[in-house]
C-alpha atoms as a PDB file:
ATOM      1  CA  MET A   1       1.891  50.496  26.065  1.00  0.00           C
ATOM      2  CA  ILE A   2      -0.482  48.865  23.609  1.00  0.00           C
ATOM      3  CA  SER A   3      -3.567  50.577  22.207  1.00  0.00           C
ATOM      4  CA  SER A   4      -7.090  49.279  22.588  1.00  0.00           C
ATOM      5  CA  LEU A   5      -8.508  46.946  19.989  1.00  0.00           C
ATOM      6  CA  PRO A   6     -11.269  47.904  17.557  1.00  0.00           C
ATOM      7  CA  VAL A   7     -14.791  46.633  18.165  1.00  0.00           C
ATOM      8  CA  ASP A   8     -17.780  45.990  15.933  1.00  0.00           C
ATOM      9  CA  ASP A   9     -19.367  49.371  16.690  1.00  0.00           C
ATOM     10  CA  ALA A  10     -18.566  52.514  14.689  1.00  0.00           C
ATOM     11  CA  GLN A  11     -19.363  54.956  17.507  1.00  0.00           C
ATOM     12  CA  ASN A  12     -17.124  53.123  19.961  1.00  0.00           C
ATOM     13  CA  ASN A  13     -14.348  52.916  17.381  1.00  0.00           C
ATOM     14  CA  ILE A  14     -14.420  56.703  17.009  1.00  0.00           C
ATOM     15  CA  ARG A  15     -13.951  57.015  20.767  1.00  0.00           C
ATOM     16  CA  ILE A  16     -11.225  54.377  20.777  1.00  0.00           C
ATOM     17  CA  ALA A  17      -9.401  56.151  17.930  1.00  0.00           C
ATOM     18  CA  ASN A  18      -9.476  59.453  19.822  1.00  0.00           C
ATOM     19  CA  LEU A  19      -8.324  57.762  23.011  1.00  0.00           C
ATOM     20  CA  SER A  20      -5.546  56.013  21.125  1.00  0.00           C
ATOM     21  CA  ASP A  21      -4.321  59.358  19.788  1.00  0.00           C
ATOM     22  CA  ASP A  22      -4.353  60.800  23.310  1.00  0.00           C
ATOM     23  CA  PHE A  23      -2.456  57.819  24.719  1.00  0.00           C
ATOM     24  CA  PHE A  24       0.105  58.150  21.939  1.00  0.00           C
ATOM     25  CA  GLN A  25       0.713  61.794  22.844  1.00  0.00           C
ATOM     26  CA  VAL A  26       1.136  61.001  26.539  1.00  0.00           C
ATOM     27  CA  CYS A  27       3.501  58.137  25.777  1.00  0.00           C
ATOM     28  CA  MET A  28       5.591  60.393  23.537  1.00  0.00           C
ATOM     29  CA  GLN A  29       5.865  62.972  26.328  1.00  0.00           C
ATOM     30  CA  LEU A  30       6.894  60.313  28.844  1.00  0.00           C
ATOM     31  CA  ASN A  31       9.220  58.510  26.424  1.00  0.00           C
ATOM     32  CA  VAL A  32       7.182  55.304  26.742  1.00  0.00           C
ATOM     33  CA  PRO A  33       6.919  52.998  23.723  1.00  0.00           C
ATOM     34  CA  TYR A  34       3.430  52.837  22.227  1.00  0.00           C
ATOM     35  CA  LEU A  35       2.133  50.148  19.882  1.00  0.00           C
ATOM     36  CA  ASP A  36      -0.924  51.172  17.889  1.00  0.00           C
ATOM     37  CA  VAL A  37      -2.795  47.982  17.042  1.00  0.00           C
ATOM     38  CA  PHE A  38      -6.108  49.783  16.611  1.00  0.00           C
ATOM     39  CA  THR A  39      -5.281  51.440  13.276  1.00  0.00           C
ATOM     40  CA  PRO A  40      -4.259  48.335  11.307  1.00  0.00           C
ATOM     41  CA  LEU A  41      -6.959  46.133  12.857  1.00  0.00           C
ATOM     42  CA  LYS A  42      -9.881  48.523  12.311  1.00  0.00           C
ATOM     43  CA  THR A  43      -9.832  47.678   8.595  1.00  0.00           C
ATOM     44  CA  SER A  44      -8.950  43.991   8.984  1.00  0.00           C
ATOM     45  CA  GLU A  45     -11.743  41.745   7.751  1.00  0.00           C
ATOM     46  CA  ASN A  46     -10.289  38.857   9.748  1.00  0.00           C
ATOM     47  CA  TRP A  47     -10.304  40.844  12.980  1.00  0.00           C
ATOM     48  CA  LEU A  48     -13.864  42.088  12.549  1.00  0.00           C
ATOM     49  CA  GLN A  49     -15.346  38.616  11.987  1.00  0.00           C
END
């Protein structure tokens, strides 16, 4: 499973970060691989342009 991508809205990014954490926990319980792309991209200047 792949996390959601960050957006250009701080409030939505807070919700996405929380959701990403929840998805990670569920994936761990189900032994499903999880790729967090949200965390590295939320601070990427290139992504946010």
